[in-house]
Amino acid sequence: QVQLVESGGGLVQAGGSLRLSCAASGRTFSTSAMGWFRQAPGKEREFVAAITTRGRPYYAGFVKGRFTISRDGAKNTMSMQMNSLEAEETAVYYCNVWGNGYDIWGQGTQVTVPS
């Protein structure tokens, strides 16, 4: 069974940092693009960052150099270092893996930044 499990969320003060991780199991995703999305209360899910099979990163405009996405093909994992977090970034963060004929989501990890 293919599964994505996120970890690393939590409560952090504004300006603080968190590192999210996504562990994939059930198959290898070395040939898949991977990414992070988030959904804040009352809002639609939005793109945060993605990384290609060759390790090229893409970021949403609001990231502004504060986040760094990475992946480890050997371990079938993906991470995202988030710095200078703001209250507006309180959301559930989801790991996503997609490719030809599949689109897989994790259950999400909560990130809370009190205002």
N, C-alpha and C. Protein backbone atom coordinates (compact mmCIF):
# COMPACT_ATOMS: atom_id res chain seq x y z
N GLN A 1 0.84 -1.19 0.00
CA GLN A 1 0.00 0.00 0.00
C GLN A 1 0.88 1.25 0.00
N VAL A 2 0.61 2.13 -0.93
CA VAL A 2 1.38 3.36 -1.03
C VAL A 2 0.92 4.33 0.06
N GLN A 3 1.88 4.90 0.74
CA GLN A 3 1.54 5.79 1.84
C GLN A 3 2.56 6.91 1.97
N LEU A 4 2.05 8.10 2.29
CA LEU A 4 2.90 9.25 2.60
C LEU A 4 2.60 9.66 4.02
N VAL A 5 3.63 9.84 4.82
CA VAL A 5 3.44 10.23 6.21
C VAL A 5 4.27 11.47 6.49
N GLU A 6 3.56 12.54 6.88
CA GLU A 6 4.23 13.79 7.22
C GLU A 6 4.55 13.83 8.71
N SER A 7 5.59 14.57 9.04
CA SER A 7 5.95 14.80 10.43
C SER A 7 6.66 16.13 10.55
N GLY A 8 6.83 16.58 11.78
CA GLY A 8 7.59 17.79 12.00
C GLY A 8 6.77 19.04 12.29
N GLY A 9 5.47 18.93 12.16
CA GLY A 9 4.64 20.08 12.47
C GLY A 9 4.61 20.36 13.96
N GLY A 10 4.00 21.47 14.32
CA GLY A 10 3.91 21.81 15.73
C GLY A 10 3.61 23.27 15.93
N LEU A 11 3.82 23.71 17.15
CA LEU A 11 3.57 25.10 17.54
C LEU A 11 4.90 25.83 17.56
N VAL A 12 4.95 26.96 16.89
CA VAL A 12 6.17 27.74 16.84
C VAL A 12 5.81 29.21 16.88
N GLN A 13 6.59 29.99 17.56
CA GLN A 13 6.34 31.42 17.63
C GLN A 13 6.67 32.09 16.31
N ALA A 14 6.05 33.21 16.07
CA ALA A 14 6.33 33.98 14.86
C ALA A 14 7.82 34.27 14.78
N GLY A 15 8.36 34.06 13.58
CA GLY A 15 9.80 34.23 13.39
C GLY A 15 10.60 32.97 13.60
N GLY A 16 9.94 31.93 14.09
CA GLY A 16 10.61 30.67 14.37
C GLY A 16 10.70 29.77 13.15
N SER A 17 11.22 28.58 13.38
CA SER A 17 11.48 27.64 12.30
C SER A 17 10.91 26.27 12.61
N LEU A 18 10.59 25.55 11.56
CA LEU A 18 10.19 24.15 11.64
C LEU A 18 10.74 23.43 10.44
N ARG A 19 10.94 22.14 10.62
CA ARG A 19 11.36 21.29 9.50
C ARG A 19 10.34 20.18 9.33
N LEU A 20 9.68 20.18 8.19
CA LEU A 20 8.70 19.16 7.88
C LEU A 20 9.36 18.03 7.09
N SER A 21 8.88 16.84 7.34
CA SER A 21 9.39 15.68 6.61
C SER A 21 8.23 14.87 6.06
N CYS A 22 8.50 14.19 4.97
CA CYS A 22 7.50 13.32 4.34
C CYS A 22 8.20 12.01 4.00
N ALA A 23 7.69 10.94 4.56
CA ALA A 23 8.25 9.62 4.30
C ALA A 23 7.29 8.82 3.43
N ALA A 24 7.80 8.31 2.35
CA ALA A 24 6.99 7.53 1.42
C ALA A 24 7.27 6.05 1.59
N SER A 25 6.24 5.28 1.48
CA SER A 25 6.40 3.83 1.56
C SER A 25 5.47 3.14 0.57
N GLY A 26 5.77 1.93 0.27
CA GLY A 26 4.94 1.17 -0.65
C GLY A 26 5.47 1.14 -2.07
N ARG A 27 6.26 2.13 -2.42
CA ARG A 27 6.89 2.15 -3.74
C ARG A 27 7.94 3.24 -3.72
N THR A 28 8.82 3.22 -4.68
CA THR A 28 9.82 4.27 -4.77
C THR A 28 9.29 5.43 -5.58
N PHE A 29 9.65 6.63 -5.17
CA PHE A 29 9.20 7.82 -5.87
C PHE A 29 10.37 8.58 -6.47
N SER A 30 11.41 7.87 -6.78
CA SER A 30 12.60 8.52 -7.33
C SER A 30 12.33 9.14 -8.70
N THR A 31 11.30 8.70 -9.38
CA THR A 31 10.97 9.25 -10.70
C THR A 31 9.75 10.15 -10.64
N SER A 32 9.37 10.58 -9.45
CA SER A 32 8.17 11.40 -9.28
C SER A 32 8.54 12.79 -8.78
N ALA A 33 7.74 13.75 -9.18
CA ALA A 33 7.83 15.07 -8.57
C ALA A 33 7.18 14.99 -7.19
N MET A 34 7.68 15.81 -6.29
CA MET A 34 7.15 15.82 -4.92
C MET A 34 6.95 17.27 -4.51
N GLY A 35 6.00 17.48 -3.61
CA GLY A 35 5.77 18.85 -3.20
C GLY A 35 5.02 18.98 -1.90
N TRP A 36 4.91 20.21 -1.46
CA TRP A 36 4.17 20.56 -0.25
C TRP A 36 3.06 21.55 -0.61
N PHE A 37 1.93 21.30 -0.02
CA PHE A 37 0.79 22.20 -0.11
C PHE A 37 0.33 22.48 1.30
N ARG A 38 -0.50 23.49 1.45
CA ARG A 38 -1.03 23.80 2.78
C ARG A 38 -2.46 24.29 2.65
N GLN A 39 -3.18 24.09 3.73
CA GLN A 39 -4.56 24.55 3.78
C GLN A 39 -4.83 25.18 5.13
N ALA A 40 -5.10 26.46 5.10
CA ALA A 40 -5.42 27.20 6.32
C ALA A 40 -6.92 27.10 6.58
N PRO A 41 -7.35 27.31 7.80
CA PRO A 41 -8.78 27.23 8.13
C PRO A 41 -9.61 28.17 7.26
N GLY A 42 -10.61 27.63 6.63
CA GLY A 42 -11.51 28.43 5.82
C GLY A 42 -10.96 28.82 4.46
N LYS A 43 -9.82 28.29 4.10
CA LYS A 43 -9.21 28.63 2.81
C LYS A 43 -8.98 27.38 1.98
N GLU A 44 -8.74 27.59 0.70
CA GLU A 44 -8.45 26.48 -0.18
C GLU A 44 -6.99 26.04 -0.01
N ARG A 45 -6.76 24.80 -0.39
CA ARG A 45 -5.40 24.29 -0.36
C ARG A 45 -4.56 25.05 -1.38
N GLU A 46 -3.32 25.38 -1.02
CA GLU A 46 -2.47 26.13 -1.92
C GLU A 46 -1.08 25.51 -2.02
N PHE A 47 -0.45 25.74 -3.14
CA PHE A 47 0.89 25.26 -3.40
C PHE A 47 1.91 26.02 -2.55
N VAL A 48 2.88 25.27 -2.01
CA VAL A 48 3.95 25.90 -1.25
C VAL A 48 5.29 25.71 -1.96
N ALA A 49 5.63 24.48 -2.26
CA ALA A 49 6.92 24.20 -2.89
C ALA A 49 6.88 22.83 -3.54
N ALA A 50 7.76 22.64 -4.51
CA ALA A 50 7.88 21.34 -5.17
C ALA A 50 9.33 21.11 -5.56
N ILE A 51 9.64 19.86 -5.82
CA ILE A 51 11.00 19.52 -6.22
C ILE A 51 10.92 18.42 -7.28
N THR A 52 11.69 18.59 -8.34
CA THR A 52 11.65 17.64 -9.43
C THR A 52 12.51 16.41 -9.12
N THR A 53 12.45 15.46 -10.00
CA THR A 53 13.25 14.25 -9.82
C THR A 53 14.75 14.55 -9.82
N ARG A 54 15.11 15.64 -10.48
CA ARG A 54 16.53 16.03 -10.53
C ARG A 54 16.90 16.99 -9.42
N GLY A 55 15.95 17.27 -8.55
CA GLY A 55 16.26 18.12 -7.41
C GLY A 55 16.07 19.61 -7.63
N ARG A 56 15.42 19.98 -8.71
CA ARG A 56 15.19 21.40 -8.95
C ARG A 56 13.98 21.85 -8.14
N PRO A 57 14.14 22.89 -7.34
CA PRO A 57 13.03 23.34 -6.50
C PRO A 57 12.19 24.43 -7.16
N TYR A 58 10.95 24.49 -6.76
CA TYR A 58 10.04 25.55 -7.16
C TYR A 58 9.30 26.01 -5.90
N TYR A 59 9.07 27.30 -5.81
CA TYR A 59 8.43 27.85 -4.62
C TYR A 59 7.31 28.80 -4.98
N ALA A 60 6.33 28.86 -4.11
CA ALA A 60 5.30 29.87 -4.24
C ALA A 60 5.90 31.24 -3.96
N GLY A 61 5.26 32.25 -4.50
CA GLY A 61 5.81 33.59 -4.35
C GLY A 61 5.94 34.05 -2.91
N PHE A 62 5.05 33.60 -2.06
CA PHE A 62 5.07 34.08 -0.68
C PHE A 62 6.23 33.48 0.13
N VAL A 63 6.91 32.50 -0.41
CA VAL A 63 8.01 31.88 0.33
C VAL A 63 9.17 32.86 0.51
N LYS A 64 9.51 33.57 -0.53
CA LYS A 64 10.50 34.65 -0.47
C LYS A 64 11.80 34.23 0.18
N GLY A 65 12.29 33.06 -0.19
CA GLY A 65 13.59 32.61 0.28
C GLY A 65 13.61 32.04 1.69
N ARG A 66 12.45 31.92 2.33
CA ARG A 66 12.42 31.46 3.71
C ARG A 66 12.37 29.94 3.84
N PHE A 67 11.91 29.24 2.82
CA PHE A 67 11.76 27.79 2.87
C PHE A 67 12.76 27.14 1.93
N THR A 68 13.17 25.94 2.30
CA THR A 68 14.05 25.15 1.45
C THR A 68 13.53 23.72 1.37
N ILE A 69 13.22 23.29 0.17
CA ILE A 69 12.72 21.93 -0.04
C ILE A 69 13.87 21.04 -0.50
N SER A 70 13.84 19.80 -0.06
CA SER A 70 14.88 18.85 -0.45
C SER A 70 14.29 17.45 -0.50
N ARG A 71 15.02 16.55 -1.12
CA ARG A 71 14.56 15.16 -1.18
C ARG A 71 15.75 14.22 -1.12
N ASP A 72 15.48 13.03 -0.64
CA ASP A 72 16.50 11.98 -0.58
C ASP A 72 15.93 10.76 -1.28
N GLY A 73 16.38 10.55 -2.50
CA GLY A 73 15.84 9.44 -3.29
C GLY A 73 16.13 8.10 -2.67
N ALA A 74 17.28 7.95 -2.08
CA ALA A 74 17.65 6.67 -1.48
C ALA A 74 16.74 6.32 -0.31
N LYS A 75 16.34 7.33 0.44
CA LYS A 75 15.48 7.10 1.61
C LYS A 75 14.01 7.28 1.30
N ASN A 76 13.71 7.73 0.08
CA ASN A 76 12.32 7.95 -0.31
C ASN A 76 11.65 8.97 0.59
N THR A 77 12.36 10.05 0.87
CA THR A 77 11.84 11.08 1.76
C THR A 77 11.97 12.46 1.13
N MET A 78 11.21 13.38 1.67
CA MET A 78 11.26 14.77 1.26
C MET A 78 11.17 15.62 2.51
N SER A 79 11.83 16.75 2.52
CA SER A 79 11.79 17.64 3.67
C SER A 79 11.61 19.08 3.22
N MET A 80 11.21 19.89 4.16
CA MET A 80 11.12 21.33 3.88
C MET A 80 11.47 22.08 5.16
N GLN A 81 12.53 22.83 5.09
CA GLN A 81 12.94 23.71 6.19
C GLN A 81 12.20 25.02 6.04
N MET A 82 11.49 25.42 7.08
CA MET A 82 10.72 26.65 7.04
C MET A 82 11.25 27.60 8.11
N ASN A 83 11.69 28.76 7.67
CA ASN A 83 12.21 29.77 8.58
C ASN A 83 11.34 31.01 8.56
N SER A 84 11.49 31.83 9.58
CA SER A 84 10.75 33.10 9.66
C SER A 84 9.26 32.90 9.45
N LEU A 85 8.71 31.95 10.12
CA LEU A 85 7.28 31.66 9.97
C LEU A 85 6.43 32.79 10.51
N GLU A 86 5.29 32.99 9.87
CA GLU A 86 4.37 34.06 10.23
C GLU A 86 3.03 33.47 10.64
N ALA A 87 2.29 34.25 11.39
CA ALA A 87 1.01 33.76 11.90
C ALA A 87 0.07 33.32 10.77
N GLU A 88 0.13 34.03 9.65
CA GLU A 88 -0.75 33.70 8.52
C GLU A 88 -0.42 32.34 7.91
N GLU A 89 0.68 31.74 8.33
CA GLU A 89 1.07 30.46 7.77
C GLU A 89 0.59 29.27 8.61
N THR A 90 -0.21 29.56 9.59
CA THR A 90 -0.88 28.50 10.32
C THR A 90 -1.76 27.72 9.37
N ALA A 91 -1.51 26.42 9.28
CA ALA A 91 -2.23 25.60 8.31
C ALA A 91 -1.87 24.13 8.52
N VAL A 92 -2.61 23.29 7.84
CA VAL A 92 -2.21 21.89 7.73
C VAL A 92 -1.36 21.77 6.47
N TYR A 93 -0.18 21.21 6.61
CA TYR A 93 0.75 21.07 5.49
C TYR A 93 0.71 19.62 5.00
N TYR A 94 0.55 19.49 3.68
CA TYR A 94 0.39 18.18 3.06
C TYR A 94 1.55 17.86 2.12
N CYS A 95 1.96 16.64 2.18
CA CYS A 95 2.94 16.11 1.24
C CYS A 95 2.19 15.55 0.03
N ASN A 96 2.71 15.77 -1.15
CA ASN A 96 2.05 15.32 -2.38
C ASN A 96 3.10 14.76 -3.32
N VAL A 97 2.78 13.64 -3.91
CA VAL A 97 3.64 13.01 -4.92
C VAL A 97 2.78 12.74 -6.14
N TRP A 98 3.28 13.10 -7.30
CA TRP A 98 2.46 12.90 -8.49
C TRP A 98 3.33 12.46 -9.67
N GLY A 99 2.66 11.84 -10.60
CA GLY A 99 3.35 11.37 -11.78
C GLY A 99 2.35 10.92 -12.82
N ASN A 100 2.79 10.09 -13.70
CA ASN A 100 1.94 9.62 -14.78
C ASN A 100 0.89 8.65 -14.23
N GLY A 101 -0.29 9.16 -14.06
CA GLY A 101 -1.39 8.31 -13.63
C GLY A 101 -1.60 8.20 -12.13
N TYR A 102 -0.88 8.98 -11.36
CA TYR A 102 -1.11 8.93 -9.93
C TYR A 102 -0.90 10.29 -9.29
N ASP A 103 -1.56 10.46 -8.17
CA ASP A 103 -1.52 11.72 -7.42
C ASP A 103 -1.82 11.34 -5.97
N ILE A 104 -0.80 11.30 -5.13
CA ILE A 104 -0.91 10.74 -3.80
C ILE A 104 -0.68 11.82 -2.76
N TRP A 105 -1.52 11.80 -1.72
CA TRP A 105 -1.45 12.80 -0.65
C TRP A 105 -1.25 12.13 0.70
N GLY A 106 -0.54 12.83 1.56
CA GLY A 106 -0.44 12.42 2.94
C GLY A 106 -1.63 12.96 3.72
N GLN A 107 -1.67 12.64 5.00
CA GLN A 107 -2.77 13.08 5.84
C GLN A 107 -2.55 14.48 6.40
N GLY A 108 -1.36 14.99 6.29
CA GLY A 108 -1.10 16.35 6.73
C GLY A 108 -0.50 16.44 8.12
N THR A 109 0.20 17.54 8.34
CA THR A 109 0.75 17.83 9.66
C THR A 109 0.45 19.29 9.99
N GLN A 110 0.00 19.52 11.19
CA GLN A 110 -0.45 20.86 11.59
C GLN A 110 0.73 21.74 11.97
N VAL A 111 0.74 22.92 11.41
CA VAL A 111 1.70 23.96 11.79
C VAL A 111 0.92 25.12 12.36
N THR A 112 1.25 25.52 13.57
CA THR A 112 0.53 26.62 14.22
C THR A 112 1.53 27.69 14.64
N VAL A 113 1.25 28.90 14.16
CA VAL A 113 2.08 30.05 14.50
C VAL A 113 1.16 31.07 15.16
N PRO A 114 1.16 31.20 16.46
CA PRO A 114 0.24 32.11 17.14
C PRO A 114 0.51 33.56 16.77
N SER A 115 -0.57 34.30 16.68
CA SER A 115 -0.41 35.73 16.35
C SER A 115 -0.18 36.55 17.60
